[in-house]
Amino acid sequence: SCATMIANRDPAEFECPNEIDLAREDNRHAAFGYGPHRCLGSHLARREIVIGLEEWLARIPAFRIKTGTEPITFGGHVFGIENLILDWS
């Protein structure tokens, strides 16, 4: 078996796997399982994520990653960001 966090970051399967792309085509992401065991709520969850992010981003000031800094990330069973320094417009 393969851990889903590794499968989802395979550059042979996903173009630019380390970038967030909400409009990614042919996204066979494994987070919701696959085959007969695929999560029944996966389509609803994906729509909720997109709508939530769109609404949140429309309400907060413009921002960008502060020049000269990079996000500090960590991996394991859950990929995450430990530190992200932003400049707000």
PDB file of N, CA and C in Angstrom:
ATOM      1  N   SER A   1       0.841  -1.182   0.000  1.00  0.00           N
ATOM      2  CA  SER A   1       0.000   0.000   0.000  1.00  0.00           C
ATOM      3  C   SER A   1       0.881   1.238   0.000  1.00  0.00           C
ATOM      4  N   CYS A   2       0.298   2.358  -0.354  1.00  0.00           N
ATOM      5  CA  CYS A   2       1.027   3.625  -0.459  1.00  0.00           C
ATOM      6  C   CYS A   2       0.313   4.663   0.400  1.00  0.00           C
ATOM      7  N   ALA A   3       1.083   5.406   1.161  1.00  0.00           N
ATOM      8  CA  ALA A   3       0.500   6.475   1.973  1.00  0.00           C
ATOM      9  C   ALA A   3      -0.073   7.546   1.045  1.00  0.00           C
ATOM     10  N   THR A   4      -1.283   8.025   1.325  1.00  0.00           N
ATOM     11  CA  THR A   4      -1.938   8.988   0.437  1.00  0.00           C
ATOM     12  C   THR A   4      -1.170  10.293   0.328  1.00  0.00           C
ATOM     13  N   MET A   5      -0.474  10.711   1.390  1.00  0.00           N
ATOM     14  CA  MET A   5       0.247  11.979   1.302  1.00  0.00           C
ATOM     15  C   MET A   5       1.405  11.893   0.326  1.00  0.00           C
ATOM     16  N   ILE A   6       1.916  10.697   0.071  1.00  0.00           N
ATOM     17  CA  ILE A   6       2.969  10.525  -0.925  1.00  0.00           C
ATOM     18  C   ILE A   6       2.341  10.458  -2.314  1.00  0.00           C
ATOM     19  N   ALA A   7       1.259   9.734  -2.453  1.00  0.00           N
ATOM     20  CA  ALA A   7       0.591   9.594  -3.754  1.00  0.00           C
ATOM     21  C   ALA A   7       0.138  10.944  -4.282  1.00  0.00           C
ATOM     22  N   ASN A   8      -0.320  11.806  -3.411  1.00  0.00           N
ATOM     23  CA  ASN A   8      -0.846  13.105  -3.823  1.00  0.00           C
ATOM     24  C   ASN A   8       0.239  14.085  -4.239  1.00  0.00           C
ATOM     25  N   ARG A   9       1.496  13.756  -4.013  1.00  0.00           N
ATOM     26  CA  ARG A   9       2.591  14.667  -4.342  1.00  0.00           C
ATOM     27  C   ARG A   9       3.510  14.086  -5.411  1.00  0.00           C
ATOM     28  N   ASP A  10       3.012  13.130  -6.170  1.00  0.00           N
ATOM     29  CA  ASP A  10       3.794  12.480  -7.218  1.00  0.00           C
ATOM     30  C   ASP A  10       3.811  13.362  -8.468  1.00  0.00           C
ATOM     31  N   PRO A  11       4.984  13.906  -8.854  1.00  0.00           N
ATOM     32  CA  PRO A  11       5.030  14.771 -10.034  1.00  0.00           C
ATOM     33  C   PRO A  11       4.686  14.042 -11.337  1.00  0.00           C
ATOM     34  N   ALA A  12       4.765  12.717 -11.345  1.00  0.00           N
ATOM     35  CA  ALA A  12       4.358  11.966 -12.536  1.00  0.00           C
ATOM     36  C   ALA A  12       2.834  11.965 -12.681  1.00  0.00           C
ATOM     37  N   GLU A  13       2.118  12.176 -11.588  1.00  0.00           N
ATOM     38  CA  GLU A  13       0.649  12.173 -11.598  1.00  0.00           C
ATOM     39  C   GLU A  13       0.074  13.585 -11.566  1.00  0.00           C
ATOM     40  N   PHE A  14       0.727  14.502 -10.850  1.00  0.00           N
ATOM     41  CA  PHE A  14       0.222  15.861 -10.659  1.00  0.00           C
ATOM     42  C   PHE A  14       1.249  16.874 -11.137  1.00  0.00           C
ATOM     43  N   GLU A  15       0.846  17.735 -12.077  1.00  0.00           N
ATOM     44  CA  GLU A  15       1.719  18.820 -12.500  1.00  0.00           C
ATOM     45  C   GLU A  15       1.847  19.807 -11.339  1.00  0.00           C
ATOM     46  N   CYS A  16       3.059  20.177 -10.990  1.00  0.00           N
ATOM     47  CA  CYS A  16       3.342  21.096  -9.875  1.00  0.00           C
ATOM     48  C   CYS A  16       2.625  20.629  -8.602  1.00  0.00           C
ATOM     49  N   PRO A  17       2.971  19.447  -8.079  1.00  0.00           N
ATOM     50  CA  PRO A  17       2.234  18.877  -6.948  1.00  0.00           C
ATOM     51  C   PRO A  17       2.342  19.678  -5.657  1.00  0.00           C
ATOM     52  N   ASN A  18       3.320  20.557  -5.531  1.00  0.00           N
ATOM     53  CA  ASN A  18       3.492  21.332  -4.304  1.00  0.00           C
ATOM     54  C   ASN A  18       2.760  22.662  -4.343  1.00  0.00           C
ATOM     55  N   GLU A  19       2.040  22.936  -5.433  1.00  0.00           N
ATOM     56  CA  GLU A  19       1.286  24.179  -5.554  1.00  0.00           C
ATOM     57  C   GLU A  19      -0.202  23.913  -5.348  1.00  0.00           C
ATOM     58  N   ILE A  20      -0.866  24.860  -4.697  1.00  0.00           N
ATOM     59  CA  ILE A  20      -2.318  24.767  -4.538  1.00  0.00           C
ATOM     60  C   ILE A  20      -2.955  25.260  -5.824  1.00  0.00           C
ATOM     61  N   ASP A  21      -3.758  24.438  -6.453  1.00  0.00           N
ATOM     62  CA  ASP A  21      -4.441  24.784  -7.693  1.00  0.00           C
ATOM     63  C   ASP A  21      -5.871  24.266  -7.588  1.00  0.00           C
ATOM     64  N   LEU A  22      -6.787  25.150  -7.202  1.00  0.00           N
ATOM     65  CA  LEU A  22      -8.174  24.736  -6.998  1.00  0.00           C
ATOM     66  C   LEU A  22      -8.867  24.347  -8.291  1.00  0.00           C
ATOM     67  N   ALA A  23      -8.298  24.733  -9.431  1.00  0.00           N
ATOM     68  CA  ALA A  23      -8.895  24.400 -10.724  1.00  0.00           C
ATOM     69  C   ALA A  23      -8.118  23.288 -11.426  1.00  0.00           C
ATOM     70  N   ARG A  24      -7.321  22.544 -10.690  1.00  0.00           N
ATOM     71  CA  ARG A  24      -6.499  21.478 -11.285  1.00  0.00           C
ATOM     72  C   ARG A  24      -7.391  20.495 -12.044  1.00  0.00           C
ATOM     73  N   GLU A  25      -7.013  20.213 -13.278  1.00  0.00           N
ATOM     74  CA  GLU A  25      -7.748  19.262 -14.119  1.00  0.00           C
ATOM     75  C   GLU A  25      -7.284  17.841 -13.797  1.00  0.00           C
ATOM     76  N   ASP A  26      -8.128  16.873 -14.045  1.00  0.00           N
ATOM     77  CA  ASP A  26      -7.781  15.456 -13.849  1.00  0.00           C
ATOM     78  C   ASP A  26      -7.147  15.209 -12.482  1.00  0.00           C
ATOM     79  N   ASN A  27      -7.785  15.706 -11.435  1.00  0.00           N
ATOM     80  CA  ASN A  27      -7.241  15.609 -10.081  1.00  0.00           C
ATOM     81  C   ASN A  27      -7.701  14.309  -9.431  1.00  0.00           C
ATOM     82  N   ARG A  28      -6.879  13.279  -9.522  1.00  0.00           N
ATOM     83  CA  ARG A  28      -7.208  11.995  -8.899  1.00  0.00           C
ATOM     84  C   ARG A  28      -6.594  11.944  -7.501  1.00  0.00           C
ATOM     85  N   HIS A  29      -6.880  12.952  -6.713  1.00  0.00           N
ATOM     86  CA  HIS A  29      -6.353  13.075  -5.355  1.00  0.00           C
ATOM     87  C   HIS A  29      -6.835  11.905  -4.510  1.00  0.00           C
ATOM     88  N   ALA A  30      -5.956  11.358  -3.685  1.00  0.00           N
ATOM     89  CA  ALA A  30      -6.283  10.145  -2.926  1.00  0.00           C
ATOM     90  C   ALA A  30      -6.772  10.412  -1.499  1.00  0.00           C
ATOM     91  N   ALA A  31      -6.939  11.680  -1.117  1.00  0.00           N
ATOM     92  CA  ALA A  31      -7.316  11.987   0.264  1.00  0.00           C
ATOM     93  C   ALA A  31      -8.665  11.395   0.662  1.00  0.00           C
ATOM     94  N   PHE A  32      -9.572  11.249  -0.286  1.00  0.00           N
ATOM     95  CA  PHE A  32     -10.898  10.718   0.013  1.00  0.00           C
ATOM     96  C   PHE A  32     -11.005   9.226  -0.281  1.00  0.00           C
ATOM     97  N   GLY A  33      -9.873   8.583  -0.474  1.00  0.00           N
ATOM     98  CA  GLY A  33      -9.883   7.164  -0.818  1.00  0.00           C
ATOM     99  C   GLY A  33     -10.091   6.994  -2.310  1.00  0.00           C
ATOM    100  N   TYR A  34     -10.297   5.760  -2.720  1.00  0.00           N
ATOM    101  CA  TYR A  34     -10.468   5.491  -4.142  1.00  0.00           C
ATOM    102  C   TYR A  34     -11.180   4.160  -4.304  1.00  0.00           C
ATOM    103  N   GLY A  35     -11.686   3.956  -5.512  1.00  0.00           N
ATOM    104  CA  GLY A  35     -12.401   2.713  -5.787  1.00  0.00           C
ATOM    105  C   GLY A  35     -13.700   2.630  -5.007  1.00  0.00           C
ATOM    106  N   PRO A  36     -14.110   1.416  -4.629  1.00  0.00           N
ATOM    107  CA  PRO A  36     -15.387   1.237  -3.935  1.00  0.00           C
ATOM    108  C   PRO A  36     -15.389   1.828  -2.521  1.00  0.00           C
ATOM    109  N   HIS A  37     -14.235   2.192  -2.013  1.00  0.00           N
ATOM    110  CA  HIS A  37     -14.151   2.737  -0.656  1.00  0.00           C
ATOM    111  C   HIS A  37     -14.042   4.260  -0.652  1.00  0.00           C
ATOM    112  N   ARG A  38     -14.245   4.901  -1.791  1.00  0.00           N
ATOM    113  CA  ARG A  38     -14.164   6.355  -1.887  1.00  0.00           C
ATOM    114  C   ARG A  38     -15.238   6.992  -1.003  1.00  0.00           C
ATOM    115  N   CYS A  39     -14.872   8.067  -0.355  1.00  0.00           N
ATOM    116  CA  CYS A  39     -15.780   8.791   0.534  1.00  0.00           C
ATOM    117  C   CYS A  39     -16.998   9.299  -0.243  1.00  0.00           C
ATOM    118  N   LEU A  40     -18.193   8.999   0.253  1.00  0.00           N
ATOM    119  CA  LEU A  40     -19.420   9.431  -0.418  1.00  0.00           C
ATOM    120  C   LEU A  40     -19.579  10.948  -0.408  1.00  0.00           C
ATOM    121  N   GLY A  41     -18.996  11.604   0.567  1.00  0.00           N
ATOM    122  CA  GLY A  41     -19.133  13.053   0.679  1.00  0.00           C
ATOM    123  C   GLY A  41     -18.022  13.839   0.011  1.00  0.00           C
ATOM    124  N   SER A  42     -17.170  13.184  -0.768  1.00  0.00           N
ATOM    125  CA  SER A  42     -16.000  13.863  -1.331  1.00  0.00           C
ATOM    126  C   SER A  42     -16.368  15.016  -2.254  1.00  0.00           C
ATOM    127  N   HIS A  43     -17.402  14.868  -3.067  1.00  0.00           N
ATOM    128  CA  HIS A  43     -17.775  15.945  -3.990  1.00  0.00           C
ATOM    129  C   HIS A  43     -18.294  17.158  -3.218  1.00  0.00           C
ATOM    130  N   LEU A  44     -19.097  16.917  -2.192  1.00  0.00           N
ATOM    131  CA  LEU A  44     -19.588  18.007  -1.357  1.00  0.00           C
ATOM    132  C   LEU A  44     -18.424  18.678  -0.625  1.00  0.00           C
ATOM    133  N   ALA A  45     -17.517  17.895  -0.078  1.00  0.00           N
ATOM    134  CA  ALA A  45     -16.377  18.457   0.650  1.00  0.00           C
ATOM    135  C   ALA A  45     -15.517  19.328  -0.257  1.00  0.00           C
ATOM    136  N   ARG A  46     -15.265  18.885  -1.475  1.00  0.00           N
ATOM    137  CA  ARG A  46     -14.469  19.685  -2.419  1.00  0.00           C
ATOM    138  C   ARG A  46     -15.161  21.011  -2.721  1.00  0.00           C
ATOM    139  N   ARG A  47     -16.461  20.999  -2.936  1.00  0.00           N
ATOM    140  CA  ARG A  47     -17.198  22.252  -3.199  1.00  0.00           C
ATOM    141  C   ARG A  47     -17.156  23.165  -1.982  1.00  0.00           C
ATOM    142  N   GLU A  48     -17.312  22.597  -0.784  1.00  0.00           N
ATOM    143  CA  GLU A  48     -17.261  23.404   0.434  1.00  0.00           C
ATOM    144  C   GLU A  48     -15.900  24.076   0.591  1.00  0.00           C
ATOM    145  N   ILE A  49     -14.836  23.360   0.275  1.00  0.00           N
ATOM    146  CA  ILE A  49     -13.493  23.930   0.375  1.00  0.00           C
ATOM    147  C   ILE A  49     -13.344  25.099  -0.593  1.00  0.00           C
ATOM    148  N   VAL A  50     -13.746  24.904  -1.846  1.00  0.00           N
ATOM    149  CA  VAL A  50     -13.615  25.960  -2.854  1.00  0.00           C
ATOM    150  C   VAL A  50     -14.458  27.175  -2.472  1.00  0.00           C
ATOM    151  N   ILE A  51     -15.714  26.961  -2.123  1.00  0.00           N
ATOM    152  CA  ILE A  51     -16.598  28.074  -1.768  1.00  0.00           C
ATOM    153  C   ILE A  51     -16.081  28.789  -0.527  1.00  0.00           C
ATOM    154  N   GLY A  52     -15.664  28.039   0.478  1.00  0.00           N
ATOM    155  CA  GLY A  52     -15.131  28.652   1.699  1.00  0.00           C
ATOM    156  C   GLY A  52     -13.915  29.519   1.429  1.00  0.00           C
ATOM    157  N   LEU A  53     -12.982  29.017   0.643  1.00  0.00           N
ATOM    158  CA  LEU A  53     -11.782  29.800   0.322  1.00  0.00           C
ATOM    159  C   LEU A  53     -12.120  31.027  -0.520  1.00  0.00           C
ATOM    160  N   GLU A  54     -12.988  30.868  -1.518  1.00  0.00           N
ATOM    161  CA  GLU A  54     -13.371  32.011  -2.354  1.00  0.00           C
ATOM    162  C   GLU A  54     -14.024  33.108  -1.517  1.00  0.00           C
ATOM    163  N   GLU A  55     -14.944  32.740  -0.633  1.00  0.00           N
ATOM    164  CA  GLU A  55     -15.634  33.731   0.191  1.00  0.00           C
ATOM    165  C   GLU A  55     -14.686  34.392   1.185  1.00  0.00           C
ATOM    166  N   TRP A  56     -13.804  33.605   1.792  1.00  0.00           N
ATOM    167  CA  TRP A  56     -12.850  34.150   2.764  1.00  0.00           C
ATOM    168  C   TRP A  56     -11.882  35.107   2.075  1.00  0.00           C
ATOM    169  N   LEU A  57     -11.328  34.695   0.926  1.00  0.00           N
ATOM    170  CA  LEU A  57     -10.365  35.543   0.221  1.00  0.00           C
ATOM    171  C   LEU A  57     -11.002  36.827  -0.293  1.00  0.00           C
ATOM    172  N   ALA A  58     -12.295  36.804  -0.599  1.00  0.00           N
ATOM    173  CA  ALA A  58     -12.990  38.010  -1.055  1.00  0.00           C
ATOM    174  C   ALA A  58     -13.183  39.016   0.074  1.00  0.00           C
ATOM    175  N   ARG A  59     -13.083  38.580   1.322  1.00  0.00           N
ATOM    176  CA  ARG A  59     -13.375  39.442   2.467  1.00  0.00           C
ATOM    177  C   ARG A  59     -12.136  39.956   3.198  1.00  0.00           C
ATOM    178  N   ILE A  60     -10.978  39.390   2.936  1.00  0.00           N
ATOM    179  CA  ILE A  60      -9.770  39.830   3.636  1.00  0.00           C
ATOM    180  C   ILE A  60      -8.942  40.711   2.708  1.00  0.00           C
ATOM    181  N   PRO A  61      -8.063  41.554   3.275  1.00  0.00           N
ATOM    182  CA  PRO A  61      -7.216  42.397   2.421  1.00  0.00           C
ATOM    183  C   PRO A  61      -6.291  41.547   1.551  1.00  0.00           C
ATOM    184  N   ALA A  62      -5.841  42.157   0.449  1.00  0.00           N
ATOM    185  CA  ALA A  62      -4.881  41.467  -0.420  1.00  0.00           C
ATOM    186  C   ALA A  62      -3.607  41.182   0.372  1.00  0.00           C
ATOM    187  N   PHE A  63      -2.931  40.101   0.033  1.00  0.00           N
ATOM    188  CA  PHE A  63      -1.715  39.729   0.745  1.00  0.00           C
ATOM    189  C   PHE A  63      -0.774  38.999  -0.190  1.00  0.00           C
ATOM    190  N   ARG A  64       0.477  38.909   0.234  1.00  0.00           N
ATOM    191  CA  ARG A  64       1.478  38.112  -0.475  1.00  0.00           C
ATOM    192  C   ARG A  64       2.502  37.641   0.539  1.00  0.00           C
ATOM    193  N   ILE A  65       3.260  36.626   0.183  1.00  0.00           N
ATOM    194  CA  ILE A  65       4.323  36.152   1.069  1.00  0.00           C
ATOM    195  C   ILE A  65       5.393  37.229   1.134  1.00  0.00           C
ATOM    196  N   LYS A  66       5.817  37.560   2.338  1.00  0.00           N
ATOM    197  CA  LYS A  66       6.790  38.632   2.541  1.00  0.00           C
ATOM    198  C   LYS A  66       8.068  38.336   1.765  1.00  0.00           C
ATOM    199  N   THR A  67       8.547  39.350   1.038  1.00  0.00           N
ATOM    200  CA  THR A  67       9.769  39.224   0.254  1.00  0.00           C
ATOM    201  C   THR A  67      10.924  38.792   1.144  1.00  0.00           C
ATOM    202  N   GLY A  68      11.683  37.830   0.674  1.00  0.00           N
ATOM    203  CA  GLY A  68      12.844  37.347   1.417  1.00  0.00           C
ATOM    204  C   GLY A  68      12.535  36.254   2.418  1.00  0.00           C
ATOM    205  N   THR A  69      11.267  35.848   2.507  1.00  0.00           N
ATOM    206  CA  THR A  69      10.901  34.768   3.427  1.00  0.00           C
ATOM    207  C   THR A  69      10.304  33.612   2.636  1.00  0.00           C
ATOM    208  N   GLU A  70      10.296  32.457   3.241  1.00  0.00           N
ATOM    209  CA  GLU A  70       9.644  31.290   2.660  1.00  0.00           C
ATOM    210  C   GLU A  70       8.853  30.593   3.758  1.00  0.00           C
ATOM    211  N   PRO A  71       7.729  29.985   3.409  1.00  0.00           N
ATOM    212  CA  PRO A  71       6.973  29.241   4.421  1.00  0.00           C
ATOM    213  C   PRO A  71       7.818  28.120   5.008  1.00  0.00           C
ATOM    214  N   ILE A  72       7.665  27.894   6.298  1.00  0.00           N
ATOM    215  CA  ILE A  72       8.309  26.760   6.959  1.00  0.00           C
ATOM    216  C   ILE A  72       7.270  25.651   7.003  1.00  0.00           C
ATOM    217  N   THR A  73       7.582  24.542   6.348  1.00  0.00           N
ATOM    218  CA  THR A  73       6.619  23.453   6.242  1.00  0.00           C
ATOM    219  C   THR A  73       7.091  22.226   7.004  1.00  0.00           C
ATOM    220  N   PHE A  74       6.163  21.335   7.266  1.00  0.00           N
ATOM    221  CA  PHE A  74       6.496  20.052   7.875  1.00  0.00           C
ATOM    222  C   PHE A  74       5.666  18.980   7.195  1.00  0.00           C
ATOM    223  N   GLY A  75       6.171  17.778   7.206  1.00  0.00           N
ATOM    224  CA  GLY A  75       5.483  16.667   6.555  1.00  0.00           C
ATOM    225  C   GLY A  75       5.132  15.604   7.566  1.00  0.00           C
ATOM    226  N   GLY A  76       4.922  14.430   7.088  1.00  0.00           N
ATOM    227  CA  GLY A  76       4.489  13.319   7.928  1.00  0.00           C
ATOM    228  C   GLY A  76       3.147  12.840   7.428  1.00  0.00           C
ATOM    229  N   HIS A  77       2.268  12.469   8.329  1.00  0.00           N
ATOM    230  CA  HIS A  77       0.936  12.021   7.912  1.00  0.00           C
ATOM    231  C   HIS A  77       0.083  13.180   7.427  1.00  0.00           C
ATOM    232  N   VAL A  78       0.384  14.381   7.905  1.00  0.00           N
ATOM    233  CA  VAL A  78      -0.335  15.572   7.470  1.00  0.00           C
ATOM    234  C   VAL A  78       0.698  16.609   7.062  1.00  0.00           C
ATOM    235  N   PHE A  79       0.579  17.127   5.839  1.00  0.00           N
ATOM    236  CA  PHE A  79       1.464  18.189   5.373  1.00  0.00           C
ATOM    237  C   PHE A  79       0.911  19.504   5.878  1.00  0.00           C
ATOM    238  N   GLY A  80       1.761  20.350   6.415  1.00  0.00           N
ATOM    239  CA  GLY A  80       1.268  21.610   6.939  1.00  0.00           C
ATOM    240  C   GLY A  80       2.296  22.712   6.879  1.00  0.00           C
ATOM    241  N   ILE A  81       1.878  23.897   7.233  1.00  0.00           N
ATOM    242  CA  ILE A  81       2.742  25.070   7.274  1.00  0.00           C
ATOM    243  C   ILE A  81       2.860  25.502   8.721  1.00  0.00           C
ATOM    244  N   GLU A  82       4.094  25.570   9.197  1.00  0.00           N
ATOM    245  CA  GLU A  82       4.358  25.973  10.576  1.00  0.00           C
ATOM    246  C   GLU A  82       4.446  27.484  10.705  1.00  0.00           C
ATOM    247  N   ASN A  83       4.990  28.144   9.671  1.00  0.00           N
ATOM    248  CA  ASN A  83       5.218  29.576   9.741  1.00  0.00           C
ATOM    249  C   ASN A  83       5.060  30.170   8.346  1.00  0.00           C
ATOM    250  N   LEU A  84       4.270  31.228   8.223  1.00  0.00           N
ATOM    251  CA  LEU A  84       4.042  31.887   6.941  1.00  0.00           C
ATOM    252  C   LEU A  84       3.952  33.384   7.207  1.00  0.00           C
ATOM    253  N   ILE A  85       4.962  34.124   6.769  1.00  0.00           N
ATOM    254  CA  ILE A  85       5.006  35.566   7.014  1.00  0.00           C
ATOM    255  C   ILE A  85       4.416  36.282   5.803  1.00  0.00           C
ATOM    256  N   LEU A  86       3.377  37.091   6.050  1.00  0.00           N
ATOM    257  CA  LEU A  86       2.661  37.766   4.972  1.00  0.00           C
ATOM    258  C   LEU A  86       2.817  39.272   5.050  1.00  0.00           C
ATOM    259  N   ASP A  87       2.777  39.922   3.896  1.00  0.00           N
ATOM    260  CA  ASP A  87       2.617  41.370   3.784  1.00  0.00           C
ATOM    261  C   ASP A  87       1.173  41.608   3.374  1.00  0.00           C
ATOM    262  N   TRP A  88       0.485  42.466   4.122  1.00  0.00           N
ATOM    263  CA  TRP A  88      -0.914  42.768   3.829  1.00  0.00           C
ATOM    264  C   TRP A  88      -0.993  44.110   3.118  1.00  0.00           C
ATOM    265  N   SER A  89      -1.837  44.206   2.101  1.00  0.00           N
ATOM    266  CA  SER A  89      -2.009  45.464   1.357  1.00  0.00           C
ATOM    267  C   SER A  89      -3.064  46.318   2.026  1.00  0.00           C
TER     268      SER A  89
END
